[in-house]
Amino acid sequence: MQFTMNHQPHHNPGRLAPAAILTLTLALFGGTAHAGPPESYRKLWRDPAVNERIERNIEKHRKGDATIEVVGKDGKPVSGAKIVLRQTGHEFLFGCNAFVLGQLDTPEKNRRYEEAFLKLHNFATVPFYWEGTEPTQGELRYSEPARDIWRRPPPDRFIPWAAKHGVTLKGHPLLWHAYNPPWLPKDADELRALYRKRFKEIAARYGDKIGIFDVVNESLVCKKDYPLLTPDRDYVRWAFTEATPLFPEKTTLMINEITEYNFKPFTANPYATQIKTLLAQGAKIKGIGLQYHYFRREKLDAFLTDPKCDPNKLLDVYEQFGGFKLPMFITEITIPSAGEGGDALQEEVVRDHYRLWFSAPMMAGITWWNLGDGTAVKGENEAKGGLVDGDFKPKPAYRALDKLINKDWKTWAQTQTDAQGQACFRGFFGSYDVIVKAGGKTTRQSFRLEKDKPNKWTLKF
């Protein structure tokens, strides 16, 4: 059986070392070996053992085996049938917030925004901040038309767009101590009653349309003046208890937390302790989110020389969180490109981290935060944390992700059936177009290669 694939092994003993490859790449694209992160960072992230661990995890957790069986109308196997497989979509969720969908100042910018979004992403975060869904009491901004609020389009806008382009949606958030309208009461009981109303409205309107929601956001850094805060933060359990019965069983109801909990050892990690406690209390948490924001270049520079910026330690934490047997998500990412050499720095750090996150066993999705420079919340645009610039033209980091997502992590293969009419292949999980040619005939079908499924496909001539 002949078999060829488009992606090549990343580990090539006896060939160029990672540092040499990096130097050559920078030279080819007009950079210098001194651009990008500091040498201490590269020493950790270019370690062959680290990269072998990442590649081994990707091979184990992001790919699966499938068998294609070709039979004729008589039910007999067709041997020697030529098969071409092309992966058309990912099971893994590569995301970005879509907070400015349809809000840019020209139709051309809106077109470029959507084009840049959809080329990389099959996953979009939709704004459900209470300040945007009900800015004044009783003014519900779920549907069109609605008065325009920057970065807060009405959620209905996203439903047909997502259906048209095959985008999975996530609502963010149902409950957060921040970005709430000023009219909310300070009394805890009154506020809980309003949350119950809000949860019911959102579940009734979007429960069958949006499959993932952040139920509670950033509870471990809750402000002390938040009316529902108590020393044990029991409002988190309460929110899951109230929201869970309202949504379909299949909805992924998530908890989400800030960046620092990526780096704390699991056994001493307050977020891990909180999740363990909540699960023991019966909270139906279905997903775990971790942010990864660096809103200033100087913060990123400091992080890159910090001992916590260690790929082995990061993977250890993610693998230990995987013990909860819940899907994990990197939910919000900002890596700046501001400052000298910023584009090259952003590109390298983004590439490294996406490879690491994609390799973490229970990771189900990775969400960049603001796609374009100038589309962040006020006070964060100085970071130039977009993957595209202010005119929505790709930056080097965008091109690096395009290569990973659309080339390195997609399977294209050619093979042919054996005497039993079967051909086997291993590919990345996702959707596939399969073309089979035999006896002067051609047929085409679509399949999904799914984790923990038999993945045996039969094509009849």
Protein backbone atom coordinates (compact mmCIF):
# COMPACT_ATOMS: atom_id res chain seq x y z
CA MET A 1 0.00 0.00 0.00
CA GLN A 2 1.45 3.36 -1.05
CA PHE A 3 1.04 6.24 1.34
CA THR A 4 2.26 9.83 1.26
CA MET A 5 1.46 12.77 3.50
CA ASN A 6 2.13 16.48 3.37
CA HIS A 7 3.51 17.00 6.89
CA GLN A 8 7.02 15.94 7.76
CA PRO A 9 8.59 14.84 11.06
CA HIS A 10 9.82 17.78 13.10
CA HIS A 11 12.66 15.91 14.80
CA ASN A 12 15.53 15.21 12.40
CA PRO A 13 18.52 13.67 14.16
CA GLY A 14 21.80 14.65 12.57
CA ARG A 15 20.36 17.67 10.78
CA LEU A 16 20.21 21.34 11.69
CA ALA A 17 19.76 22.03 15.40
CA PRO A 18 16.77 24.21 16.39
CA ALA A 19 18.99 27.24 17.02
CA ALA A 20 20.55 26.86 13.56
CA ILE A 21 17.11 26.55 11.98
CA LEU A 22 16.02 29.73 13.77
CA THR A 23 19.09 31.63 12.55
CA LEU A 24 18.51 30.47 8.99
CA THR A 25 14.81 31.37 9.14
CA LEU A 26 15.54 34.87 10.41
CA ALA A 27 18.13 35.37 7.69
CA LEU A 28 15.74 34.24 4.97
CA PHE A 29 13.00 36.59 6.13
CA GLY A 30 15.16 39.61 6.69
CA GLY A 31 15.67 39.35 10.44
CA THR A 32 18.73 38.78 12.55
CA ALA A 33 19.69 36.06 14.97
CA HIS A 34 19.49 38.67 17.74
CA ALA A 35 15.84 39.57 17.07
CA GLY A 36 13.08 38.18 19.22
CA PRO A 37 13.27 36.78 22.75
CA PRO A 38 16.38 36.73 24.98
CA GLU A 39 18.82 33.86 24.86
CA SER A 40 17.71 32.55 28.25
CA TYR A 41 14.23 32.06 26.83
CA ARG A 42 15.52 30.33 23.75
CA LYS A 43 17.69 28.01 25.77
CA LEU A 44 14.58 26.66 27.48
CA TRP A 45 12.20 26.67 24.54
CA ARG A 46 14.72 25.27 21.99
CA ASP A 47 15.76 22.39 24.23
CA PRO A 48 15.48 19.25 22.05
CA ALA A 49 13.92 17.33 24.92
CA VAL A 50 11.18 19.96 25.28
CA ASN A 51 10.42 19.90 21.58
CA GLU A 52 10.40 16.12 21.52
CA ARG A 53 7.88 16.20 24.37
CA ILE A 54 5.70 18.69 22.50
CA GLU A 55 5.83 16.73 19.24
CA ARG A 56 5.21 13.44 21.02
CA ASN A 57 2.14 14.92 22.73
CA ILE A 58 0.81 16.36 19.46
CA GLU A 59 1.20 13.01 17.75
CA LYS A 60 -0.52 11.21 20.63
CA HIS A 61 -3.32 13.60 21.50
CA ARG A 62 -4.14 15.51 18.31
CA LYS A 63 -4.09 12.68 15.77
CA GLY A 64 -5.81 9.37 15.30
CA ASP A 65 -5.92 6.32 13.05
CA ALA A 66 -8.64 5.70 10.50
CA THR A 67 -9.52 2.95 8.06
CA ILE A 68 -11.16 3.57 4.69
CA GLU A 69 -12.99 0.62 3.21
CA VAL A 70 -13.97 0.71 -0.48
CA VAL A 71 -16.58 -1.76 -1.71
CA GLY A 72 -18.44 -2.19 -4.96
CA LYS A 73 -22.17 -2.39 -5.48
CA ASP A 74 -21.87 -6.14 -5.06
CA GLY A 75 -20.39 -5.62 -1.61
CA LYS A 76 -17.00 -6.98 -2.62
CA PRO A 77 -13.81 -5.11 -1.68
CA VAL A 78 -12.22 -2.90 -4.32
CA SER A 79 -8.45 -3.27 -4.33
CA GLY A 80 -6.03 -0.73 -5.81
CA ALA A 81 -8.48 2.16 -5.47
CA LYS A 82 -6.62 5.47 -5.35
CA ILE A 83 -7.55 7.68 -2.41
CA VAL A 84 -6.84 11.37 -1.85
CA LEU A 85 -7.64 12.79 1.58
CA ARG A 86 -7.78 16.48 2.37
CA GLN A 87 -8.49 17.80 5.84
CA THR A 88 -10.99 20.64 5.62
CA GLY A 89 -11.45 21.57 9.28
CA HIS A 90 -10.12 21.08 12.78
CA GLU A 91 -11.78 19.37 15.72
CA PHE A 92 -9.52 21.52 17.92
CA LEU A 93 -10.89 25.02 18.50
CA PHE A 94 -8.64 27.85 17.32
CA GLY A 95 -10.36 31.01 18.46
CA CYS A 96 -10.43 34.76 18.84
CA ASN A 97 -12.88 37.19 20.33
CA ALA A 98 -15.16 38.65 17.65
CA PHE A 99 -16.08 41.73 19.64
CA VAL A 100 -15.87 44.20 16.73
CA LEU A 101 -17.75 42.17 14.13
CA GLY A 102 -19.48 44.66 11.84
CA GLN A 103 -18.30 47.66 13.88
CA LEU A 104 -15.37 48.98 11.85
CA ASP A 105 -15.57 52.34 10.10
CA THR A 106 -15.64 51.11 6.49
CA PRO A 107 -17.14 48.10 4.69
CA GLU A 108 -13.67 47.24 3.40
CA LYS A 109 -12.23 47.07 6.93
CA ASN A 110 -15.12 44.90 8.05
CA ARG A 111 -14.48 42.60 5.09
CA ARG A 112 -10.75 42.36 5.85
CA TYR A 113 -11.49 41.73 9.53
CA GLU A 114 -13.79 38.81 8.74
CA GLU A 115 -11.41 37.40 6.16
CA ALA A 116 -8.47 37.51 8.56
CA PHE A 117 -10.60 36.02 11.33
CA LEU A 118 -11.95 33.10 9.33
CA LYS A 119 -8.67 32.10 7.73
CA LEU A 120 -7.29 31.07 11.14
CA HIS A 121 -10.24 30.62 13.46
CA ASN A 122 -13.15 28.21 13.83
CA PHE A 123 -14.08 29.50 17.29
CA ALA A 124 -15.36 32.94 18.36
CA THR A 125 -15.95 34.49 21.76
CA VAL A 126 -19.18 36.52 21.87
CA PRO A 127 -19.57 39.42 24.36
CA PHE A 128 -22.21 38.86 27.03
CA TYR A 129 -20.94 41.50 29.46
CA TRP A 130 -23.93 42.75 31.39
CA GLU A 131 -23.03 46.37 30.63
CA GLY A 132 -23.58 45.56 26.95
CA THR A 133 -26.60 43.27 27.11
CA GLU A 134 -28.56 45.58 29.44
CA PRO A 135 -26.85 49.00 29.71
CA THR A 136 -29.96 50.53 31.26
CA GLN A 137 -32.44 48.42 33.17
CA GLY A 138 -34.91 46.84 30.78
CA GLU A 139 -32.93 47.81 27.65
CA LEU A 140 -32.07 44.33 26.43
CA ARG A 141 -29.52 44.42 23.61
CA TYR A 142 -29.67 40.80 22.45
CA SER A 143 -31.21 41.44 19.03
CA GLU A 144 -30.73 43.71 16.06
CA PRO A 145 -31.27 46.61 15.70
CA ALA A 146 -29.62 47.95 18.82
CA ARG A 147 -27.76 51.12 19.62
CA ASP A 148 -24.09 50.70 18.81
CA ILE A 149 -21.69 50.10 21.68
CA TRP A 150 -18.04 49.55 20.76
CA ARG A 151 -16.89 45.95 21.28
CA ARG A 152 -20.40 45.00 22.38
CA PRO A 153 -22.42 43.98 19.31
CA PRO A 154 -25.77 42.38 20.15
CA PRO A 155 -25.25 38.61 20.43
CA ASP A 156 -27.84 37.86 17.73
CA ARG A 157 -25.39 39.28 15.19
CA PHE A 158 -23.11 36.29 15.62
CA ILE A 159 -25.63 33.48 15.11
CA PRO A 160 -26.11 33.61 11.29
CA TRP A 161 -22.46 34.54 10.75
CA ALA A 162 -21.28 31.51 12.72
CA ALA A 163 -23.74 29.19 10.97
CA LYS A 164 -22.61 30.42 7.56
CA HIS A 165 -18.91 29.89 8.27
CA GLY A 166 -18.98 26.87 10.57
CA VAL A 167 -17.73 28.79 13.60
CA THR A 168 -18.27 27.48 17.14
CA LEU A 169 -19.40 30.22 19.53
CA LYS A 170 -18.62 30.82 23.19
CA GLY A 171 -20.52 33.31 25.37
CA HIS A 172 -18.43 35.37 27.79
CA PRO A 173 -19.37 35.77 30.66
CA LEU A 174 -22.61 35.06 32.53
CA LEU A 175 -21.27 36.41 35.83
CA TRP A 176 -18.31 38.68 36.50
CA HIS A 177 -17.68 41.27 39.16
CA ALA A 178 -16.52 43.74 36.46
CA TYR A 179 -18.03 45.42 33.37
CA ASN A 180 -21.47 45.57 34.90
CA PRO A 181 -24.02 48.36 34.37
CA PRO A 182 -24.15 51.10 37.01
CA TRP A 183 -27.81 50.47 37.81
CA LEU A 184 -27.20 47.08 39.49
CA PRO A 185 -28.22 47.00 43.16
CA LYS A 186 -25.71 46.71 45.99
CA ASP A 187 -27.94 44.36 47.96
CA ALA A 188 -26.84 40.73 47.50
CA ASP A 189 -30.35 39.22 47.49
CA GLU A 190 -31.62 41.73 44.94
CA LEU A 191 -28.57 41.09 42.77
CA ARG A 192 -29.02 37.31 42.92
CA ALA A 193 -32.62 37.71 41.77
CA LEU A 194 -31.46 39.75 38.78
CA TYR A 195 -28.80 37.15 37.95
CA ARG A 196 -31.48 34.44 37.92
CA LYS A 197 -33.47 36.53 35.45
CA ARG A 198 -30.34 37.11 33.32
CA PHE A 199 -29.36 33.42 33.29
CA LYS A 200 -32.89 32.42 32.22
CA GLU A 201 -32.99 35.01 29.42
CA ILE A 202 -29.64 33.98 27.99
CA ALA A 203 -30.30 30.24 28.29
CA ALA A 204 -33.73 30.52 26.68
CA ARG A 205 -32.43 32.61 23.79
CA TYR A 206 -29.04 31.00 23.15
CA GLY A 207 -28.96 27.61 24.87
CA ASP A 208 -29.50 25.78 21.57
CA LYS A 209 -27.28 28.14 19.55
CA ILE A 210 -24.14 28.70 21.66
CA GLY A 211 -22.55 25.56 23.04
CA ILE A 212 -19.95 27.03 25.41
CA PHE A 213 -20.33 29.67 28.13
CA ASP A 214 -18.04 31.13 30.76
CA VAL A 215 -20.33 30.94 33.81
CA VAL A 216 -18.00 32.73 36.24
CA ASN A 217 -15.00 34.86 35.33
CA GLU A 218 -12.00 35.73 37.53
CA SER A 219 -13.52 34.89 40.90
CA LEU A 220 -10.11 34.52 42.56
CA VAL A 221 -9.43 38.23 42.02
CA CYS A 222 -12.97 39.37 42.79
CA LYS A 223 -13.19 42.96 44.00
CA LYS A 224 -13.96 43.35 47.69
CA ASP A 225 -16.96 45.60 47.04
CA TYR A 226 -18.76 42.99 44.91
CA PRO A 227 -22.07 42.31 46.71
CA LEU A 228 -21.92 38.51 46.28
CA LEU A 229 -18.37 38.09 47.58
CA THR A 230 -17.93 36.09 50.78
CA PRO A 231 -14.68 34.71 52.20
CA ASP A 232 -15.36 31.27 50.69
CA ARG A 233 -16.43 32.72 47.30
CA ASP A 234 -19.53 30.55 47.43
CA TYR A 235 -21.15 32.69 44.74
CA VAL A 236 -19.25 30.58 42.19
CA ARG A 237 -20.95 27.38 43.32
CA TRP A 238 -24.25 29.28 43.48
CA ALA A 239 -23.88 30.51 39.88
CA PHE A 240 -23.22 27.01 38.53
CA THR A 241 -26.13 25.64 40.57
CA GLU A 242 -28.48 28.27 39.14
CA ALA A 243 -27.25 28.18 35.53
CA THR A 244 -26.75 24.45 34.93
CA PRO A 245 -30.44 23.35 34.85
CA LEU A 246 -31.26 26.13 32.38
CA PHE A 247 -28.86 25.05 29.64
CA PRO A 248 -28.83 21.88 27.54
CA GLU A 249 -26.88 19.01 29.06
CA LYS A 250 -24.34 19.17 26.22
CA THR A 251 -23.44 22.83 26.93
CA THR A 252 -19.87 23.33 28.13
CA LEU A 253 -20.27 25.53 31.20
CA MET A 254 -16.87 26.89 32.14
CA ILE A 255 -14.95 28.59 34.90
CA ASN A 256 -12.27 31.06 33.83
CA GLU A 257 -9.29 32.58 35.61
CA ILE A 258 -6.40 35.01 35.16
CA THR A 259 -2.90 34.42 33.83
CA GLU A 260 -0.94 33.83 37.04
CA TYR A 261 -2.56 30.42 37.61
CA ASN A 262 -0.74 29.01 34.59
CA PHE A 263 2.47 29.12 36.61
CA LYS A 264 1.66 28.02 40.14
CA PRO A 265 2.55 24.37 40.89
CA PHE A 266 -0.60 22.29 40.79
CA THR A 267 -0.47 21.12 44.41
CA ALA A 268 -0.25 24.75 45.61
CA ASN A 269 -2.42 26.28 42.90
CA PRO A 270 -5.48 28.10 44.36
CA TYR A 271 -7.36 27.64 41.08
CA ALA A 272 -6.86 23.86 41.14
CA THR A 273 -7.96 23.81 44.78
CA GLN A 274 -11.05 25.87 43.97
CA ILE A 275 -12.06 23.57 41.10
CA LYS A 276 -11.54 20.47 43.23
CA THR A 277 -13.71 21.95 45.98
CA LEU A 278 -16.44 23.06 43.60
CA LEU A 279 -16.63 19.64 41.95
CA ALA A 280 -16.84 17.99 45.36
CA GLN A 281 -19.73 20.34 46.17
CA GLY A 282 -21.57 19.20 43.05
CA ALA A 283 -20.90 22.16 40.76
CA LYS A 284 -21.31 20.96 37.16
CA ILE A 285 -18.15 22.54 35.76
CA LYS A 286 -17.67 21.27 32.20
CA GLY A 287 -14.58 23.24 31.16
CA ILE A 288 -11.54 24.99 32.64
CA GLY A 289 -10.25 28.29 31.26
CA LEU A 290 -6.93 30.04 31.79
CA GLN A 291 -6.03 33.47 30.43
CA TYR A 292 -2.59 34.49 29.13
CA HIS A 293 -2.41 38.28 28.95
CA TYR A 294 0.64 40.56 28.75
CA PHE A 295 -0.76 44.02 28.14
CA ARG A 296 2.57 45.88 28.11
CA ARG A 297 5.83 45.17 26.32
CA GLU A 298 7.80 45.62 29.53
CA LYS A 299 5.60 42.98 31.21
CA LEU A 300 6.28 40.55 28.39
CA ASP A 301 10.03 41.25 28.48
CA ALA A 302 10.08 40.58 32.22
CA PHE A 303 8.11 37.37 31.80
CA LEU A 304 10.44 36.02 29.12
CA THR A 305 13.40 36.17 31.55
CA ASP A 306 11.41 34.89 34.53
CA PRO A 307 12.04 31.31 35.70
CA LYS A 308 8.28 30.66 35.44
CA CYS A 309 8.53 31.00 31.65
CA ASP A 310 9.51 27.36 31.43
CA PRO A 311 7.80 25.10 28.88
CA ASN A 312 8.33 21.95 30.93
CA LYS A 313 6.73 23.50 34.01
CA LEU A 314 3.82 24.83 31.95
CA LEU A 315 3.16 21.41 30.46
CA ASP A 316 3.40 19.83 33.90
CA VAL A 317 0.69 22.18 35.21
CA TYR A 318 -1.59 21.59 32.20
CA GLU A 319 -1.16 17.84 32.41
CA GLN A 320 -1.98 17.89 36.11
CA PHE A 321 -5.07 20.03 35.50
CA GLY A 322 -5.96 17.36 32.95
CA GLY A 323 -6.52 15.04 35.89
CA PHE A 324 -9.94 16.69 36.31
CA LYS A 325 -10.88 15.01 32.99
CA LEU A 326 -12.41 18.26 31.78
CA PRO A 327 -11.60 20.10 28.55
CA MET A 328 -9.16 22.95 29.05
CA PHE A 329 -8.98 26.22 27.15
CA ILE A 330 -6.50 29.05 26.92
CA THR A 331 -9.28 31.59 26.78
CA GLU A 332 -7.69 35.02 26.30
CA ILE A 333 -4.24 35.74 24.89
CA THR A 334 -2.38 39.03 24.48
CA ILE A 335 1.25 38.98 23.37
CA PRO A 336 2.41 42.52 22.48
CA SER A 337 4.27 43.54 19.34
CA ALA A 338 4.99 47.09 20.54
CA GLY A 339 8.55 48.33 20.89
CA GLU A 340 11.83 47.61 19.14
CA GLY A 341 11.83 44.25 17.36
CA GLY A 342 8.27 43.73 18.53
CA ASP A 343 6.96 41.92 15.48
CA ALA A 344 9.76 39.35 15.59
CA LEU A 345 9.36 38.92 19.34
CA GLN A 346 5.61 38.40 19.09
CA GLU A 347 6.01 35.94 16.23
CA GLU A 348 8.44 33.70 18.05
CA VAL A 349 6.63 33.73 21.39
CA VAL A 350 3.28 33.07 19.74
CA ARG A 351 4.60 30.17 17.70
CA ASP A 352 6.26 28.57 20.71
CA HIS A 353 3.23 28.89 22.97
CA TYR A 354 0.68 27.66 20.43
CA ARG A 355 2.78 24.56 19.81
CA LEU A 356 2.95 23.94 23.56
CA TRP A 357 -0.77 24.57 24.15
CA PHE A 358 -1.75 22.39 21.18
CA SER A 359 0.26 19.57 22.72
CA ALA A 360 -1.33 19.66 26.20
CA PRO A 361 -3.42 16.48 26.51
CA MET A 362 -6.77 17.91 27.69
CA MET A 363 -6.50 21.21 25.82
CA ALA A 364 -9.56 21.72 23.61
CA GLY A 365 -9.13 25.29 22.41
CA ILE A 366 -6.86 28.33 22.22
CA THR A 367 -8.34 31.83 21.93
CA TRP A 368 -6.39 34.92 20.90
CA TRP A 369 -7.99 38.01 22.36
CA ASN A 370 -7.97 41.02 20.00
CA LEU A 371 -7.42 40.18 16.35
CA GLY A 372 -6.43 43.66 15.19
CA ASP A 373 -4.29 46.42 16.60
CA GLY A 374 -6.60 49.16 17.85
CA THR A 375 -9.50 46.83 18.67
CA ALA A 376 -8.63 46.24 22.34
CA VAL A 377 -10.34 47.85 25.30
CA LYS A 378 -9.16 51.40 26.09
CA GLY A 379 -5.77 51.34 27.77
CA GLU A 380 -4.61 48.10 26.16
CA ASN A 381 -4.11 49.19 22.54
CA GLU A 382 -0.62 50.48 23.32
CA ALA A 383 0.54 46.86 23.43
CA LYS A 384 -0.23 46.36 19.73
CA GLY A 385 -1.44 42.92 20.73
CA GLY A 386 -3.20 42.10 17.47
CA LEU A 387 -2.24 39.37 15.04
CA VAL A 388 -2.98 41.87 12.28
CA ASP A 389 -2.19 45.57 12.18
CA GLY A 390 -4.59 48.50 12.25
CA ASP A 391 -5.42 47.99 8.56
CA PHE A 392 -6.01 44.26 9.21
CA LYS A 393 -2.95 43.20 7.31
CA PRO A 394 -1.18 40.08 8.65
CA LYS A 395 1.77 40.51 11.00
CA PRO A 396 4.51 37.86 11.25
CA ALA A 397 2.72 36.18 14.18
CA TYR A 398 -0.41 35.78 12.04
CA ARG A 399 1.60 34.20 9.25
CA ALA A 400 3.27 31.85 11.76
CA LEU A 401 -0.13 30.68 13.01
CA ASP A 402 -1.40 30.32 9.46
CA LYS A 403 1.44 27.91 8.78
CA LEU A 404 0.80 25.92 11.94
CA ILE A 405 -3.00 25.76 11.72
CA ASN A 406 -3.47 25.45 7.97
CA LYS A 407 -0.35 23.52 6.95
CA ASP A 408 1.62 21.80 9.69
CA TRP A 409 -1.47 20.67 11.63
CA LYS A 410 -3.62 19.65 8.68
CA THR A 411 -3.42 16.29 6.95
CA TRP A 412 -3.31 15.85 3.20
CA ALA A 413 -2.60 12.31 2.08
CA GLN A 414 -2.65 9.92 -0.87
CA THR A 415 -2.96 6.18 -0.53
CA GLN A 416 -4.62 3.16 -2.13
CA THR A 417 -6.59 0.16 -0.96
CA ASP A 418 -5.08 -3.26 -0.37
CA ALA A 419 -6.43 -6.66 -1.44
CA GLN A 420 -9.15 -6.39 1.24
CA GLY A 421 -10.27 -3.02 -0.13
CA GLN A 422 -8.90 -1.15 2.86
CA ALA A 423 -6.46 1.70 3.38
CA CYS A 424 -5.29 3.03 6.73
CA PHE A 425 -3.95 6.46 7.59
CA ARG A 426 -3.18 8.62 10.62
CA GLY A 427 -4.22 12.24 10.65
CA PHE A 428 -5.20 15.22 12.72
CA PHE A 429 -8.70 15.13 14.18
CA GLY A 430 -11.25 17.03 12.13
CA SER A 431 -13.32 16.96 8.94
CA TYR A 432 -12.05 15.43 5.71
CA ASP A 433 -12.93 15.31 2.03
CA VAL A 434 -12.10 11.91 0.58
CA ILE A 435 -11.84 11.29 -3.18
CA VAL A 436 -11.68 7.70 -4.43
CA LYS A 437 -10.87 6.65 -7.98
CA ALA A 438 -11.23 3.09 -9.24
CA GLY A 439 -12.24 1.46 -12.50
CA GLY A 440 -12.65 4.75 -14.28
CA LYS A 441 -15.10 6.01 -11.65
CA THR A 442 -14.68 8.74 -9.04
CA THR A 443 -16.60 9.29 -5.83
CA ARG A 444 -16.27 11.88 -3.08
CA GLN A 445 -17.50 11.82 0.48
CA SER A 446 -16.91 13.76 3.69
CA PHE A 447 -16.02 12.22 7.05
CA ARG A 448 -14.91 13.25 10.51
CA LEU A 449 -11.85 11.80 12.19
CA GLU A 450 -12.81 11.96 15.86
CA LYS A 451 -11.03 11.21 19.09
CA ASP A 452 -12.06 7.99 20.85
CA LYS A 453 -14.20 6.87 17.90
CA PRO A 454 -13.76 3.77 15.65
CA ASN A 455 -13.10 5.97 12.58
CA LYS A 456 -13.82 3.29 10.02
CA TRP A 457 -15.28 4.80 6.89
CA THR A 458 -16.94 2.83 4.09
CA LEU A 459 -17.30 4.15 0.54
CA LYS A 460 -19.49 2.29 -1.92
CA PHE A 461 -18.97 2.39 -5.66
